[in-house]
């Protein structure tokens, strides 16, 4: 029996049909699920965790770029004042 790791619903999949790396959607909660091991069968959420990490990194990069631009503008303004 295959159980959704997100909502604990029974999924209509035969364990022998699933291979490591397979991804599918839970019919009950709509969550994306990835097979992380086929013997024994292990499932995990395939959705939001990776995106959150990527988005957080991108936001940090954008902030760093903004800070660099501000710093460069400040330097230019100081040079003009002298």
C-alpha atoms as a PDB file:
ATOM      1  CA  UNK A   1       0.000   0.000   0.000  1.00  0.00           C
ATOM      2  CA  UNK A   2       1.265   3.479  -0.918  1.00  0.00           C
ATOM      3  CA  UNK A   3       0.379   6.363   1.393  1.00  0.00           C
ATOM      4  CA  UNK A   4       0.667  10.066   0.623  1.00  0.00           C
ATOM      5  CA  UNK A   5       3.352  11.639   2.864  1.00  0.00           C
ATOM      6  CA  UNK A   6       1.411  14.921   2.881  1.00  0.00           C
ATOM      7  CA  UNK A   7      -2.158  13.881   3.764  1.00  0.00           C
ATOM      8  CA  UNK A   8      -1.811  10.156   4.640  1.00  0.00           C
ATOM      9  CA  UNK A   9      -4.359   9.161   1.983  1.00  0.00           C
ATOM     10  CA  UNK A  10      -4.172   5.707   0.437  1.00  0.00           C
ATOM     11  CA  UNK A  11      -2.866   6.105  -3.122  1.00  0.00           C
ATOM     12  CA  UNK A  12      -3.957   3.914  -5.993  1.00  0.00           C
ATOM     13  CA  UNK A  13      -0.449   2.774  -6.955  1.00  0.00           C
ATOM     14  CA  UNK A  14       1.157  -0.638  -6.741  1.00  0.00           C
ATOM     15  CA  UNK A  15       4.522  -0.390  -4.952  1.00  0.00           C
ATOM     16  CA  UNK A  16       6.073  -2.621  -7.614  1.00  0.00           C
ATOM     17  CA  UNK A  17       5.108  -0.139 -10.357  1.00  0.00           C
ATOM     18  CA  UNK A  18       6.975   2.778  -8.759  1.00  0.00           C
ATOM     19  CA  UNK A  19      10.652   3.445  -9.396  1.00  0.00           C
ATOM     20  CA  UNK A  20      13.029   5.813  -7.626  1.00  0.00           C
ATOM     21  CA  UNK A  21      12.706   9.310  -9.095  1.00  0.00           C
ATOM     22  CA  UNK A  22       9.095   8.877 -10.243  1.00  0.00           C
ATOM     23  CA  UNK A  23       6.865  11.871  -9.540  1.00  0.00           C
ATOM     24  CA  UNK A  24       3.082  12.017  -9.366  1.00  0.00           C
ATOM     25  CA  UNK A  25       0.231  13.974  -7.818  1.00  0.00           C
ATOM     26  CA  UNK A  26      -1.901  12.863  -4.873  1.00  0.00           C
ATOM     27  CA  UNK A  27      -5.558  12.599  -5.926  1.00  0.00           C
ATOM     28  CA  UNK A  28      -6.714  13.642  -2.445  1.00  0.00           C
ATOM     29  CA  UNK A  29      -4.602  16.714  -1.572  1.00  0.00           C
ATOM     30  CA  UNK A  30      -3.127  17.564  -4.986  1.00  0.00           C
ATOM     31  CA  UNK A  31       0.411  17.526  -3.597  1.00  0.00           C
ATOM     32  CA  UNK A  32       3.399  16.671  -5.776  1.00  0.00           C
ATOM     33  CA  UNK A  33       5.083  13.469  -4.583  1.00  0.00           C
ATOM     34  CA  UNK A  34       8.475  11.983  -5.472  1.00  0.00           C
ATOM     35  CA  UNK A  35       9.627   8.379  -4.965  1.00  0.00           C
ATOM     36  CA  UNK A  36      12.937   8.577  -3.098  1.00  0.00           C
ATOM     37  CA  UNK A  37      13.419   4.824  -2.695  1.00  0.00           C
ATOM     38  CA  UNK A  38      11.746   1.846  -4.302  1.00  0.00           C
ATOM     39  CA  UNK A  39      12.898  -0.877  -1.882  1.00  0.00           C
ATOM     40  CA  UNK A  40      11.407  -0.206   0.581  1.00  0.00           C
ATOM     41  CA  UNK A  41       9.083   2.355  -0.963  1.00  0.00           C
ATOM     42  CA  UNK A  42       9.715   5.870   0.380  1.00  0.00           C
ATOM     43  CA  UNK A  43       7.921   9.022  -0.732  1.00  0.00           C
ATOM     44  CA  UNK A  44       8.452  12.731  -0.099  1.00  0.00           C
ATOM     45  CA  UNK A  45       6.966  16.002  -1.181  1.00  0.00           C
ATOM     46  CA  UNK A  46       8.310  16.979  -4.593  1.00  0.00           C
ATOM     47  CA  UNK A  47       6.910  20.468  -4.513  1.00  0.00           C
ATOM     48  CA  UNK A  48       7.496  23.670  -2.653  1.00  0.00           C
ATOM     49  CA  UNK A  49      10.625  23.040  -0.613  1.00  0.00           C
ATOM     50  CA  UNK A  50      13.016  23.386  -3.546  1.00  0.00           C
ATOM     51  CA  UNK A  51      11.258  26.453  -4.915  1.00  0.00           C
ATOM     52  CA  UNK A  52      11.308  28.206  -1.556  1.00  0.00           C
ATOM     53  CA  UNK A  53      15.027  27.681  -1.285  1.00  0.00           C
ATOM     54  CA  UNK A  54      15.642  28.929  -4.816  1.00  0.00           C
ATOM     55  CA  UNK A  55      13.397  31.969  -4.333  1.00  0.00           C
ATOM     56  CA  UNK A  56      15.062  32.867  -1.059  1.00  0.00           C
ATOM     57  CA  UNK A  57      18.464  32.695  -2.752  1.00  0.00           C
ATOM     58  CA  UNK A  58      17.316  34.844  -5.659  1.00  0.00           C
ATOM     59  CA  UNK A  59      15.897  37.460  -3.293  1.00  0.00           C
ATOM     60  CA  UNK A  60      19.181  37.577  -1.383  1.00  0.00           C
ATOM     61  CA  UNK A  61      21.067  38.041  -4.656  1.00  0.00           C
ATOM     62  CA  UNK A  62      18.779  40.905  -5.651  1.00  0.00           C
ATOM     63  CA  UNK A  63      19.292  42.580  -2.271  1.00  0.00           C
ATOM     64  CA  UNK A  64      23.065  42.251  -2.616  1.00  0.00           C
ATOM     65  CA  UNK A  65      22.952  43.822  -6.082  1.00  0.00           C
ATOM     66  CA  UNK A  66      20.825  46.708  -4.778  1.00  0.00           C
ATOM     67  CA  UNK A  67      23.261  47.309  -1.924  1.00  0.00           C
ATOM     68  CA  UNK A  68      26.202  47.344  -4.358  1.00  0.00           C
ATOM     69  CA  UNK A  69      24.429  49.882  -6.581  1.00  0.00           C
ATOM     70  CA  UNK A  70      23.663  52.084  -3.558  1.00  0.00           C
ATOM     71  CA  UNK A  71      27.289  51.887  -2.457  1.00  0.00           C
ATOM     72  CA  UNK A  72      28.530  52.864  -5.924  1.00  0.00           C
ATOM     73  CA  UNK A  73      26.115  55.805  -6.045  1.00  0.00           C
ATOM     74  CA  UNK A  74      27.296  56.971  -2.618  1.00  0.00           C
ATOM     75  CA  UNK A  75      30.930  56.840  -3.763  1.00  0.00           C
ATOM     76  CA  UNK A  76      30.110  58.882  -6.884  1.00  0.00           C
ATOM     77  CA  UNK A  77      28.267  61.487  -4.808  1.00  0.00           C
ATOM     78  CA  UNK A  78      31.196  61.782  -2.379  1.00  0.00           C
ATOM     79  CA  UNK A  79      33.629  62.329  -5.267  1.00  0.00           C
ATOM     80  CA  UNK A  80      31.434  65.066  -6.715  1.00  0.00           C
ATOM     81  CA  UNK A  81      31.311  66.846  -3.356  1.00  0.00           C
ATOM     82  CA  UNK A  82      35.099  67.104  -3.138  1.00  0.00           C
END
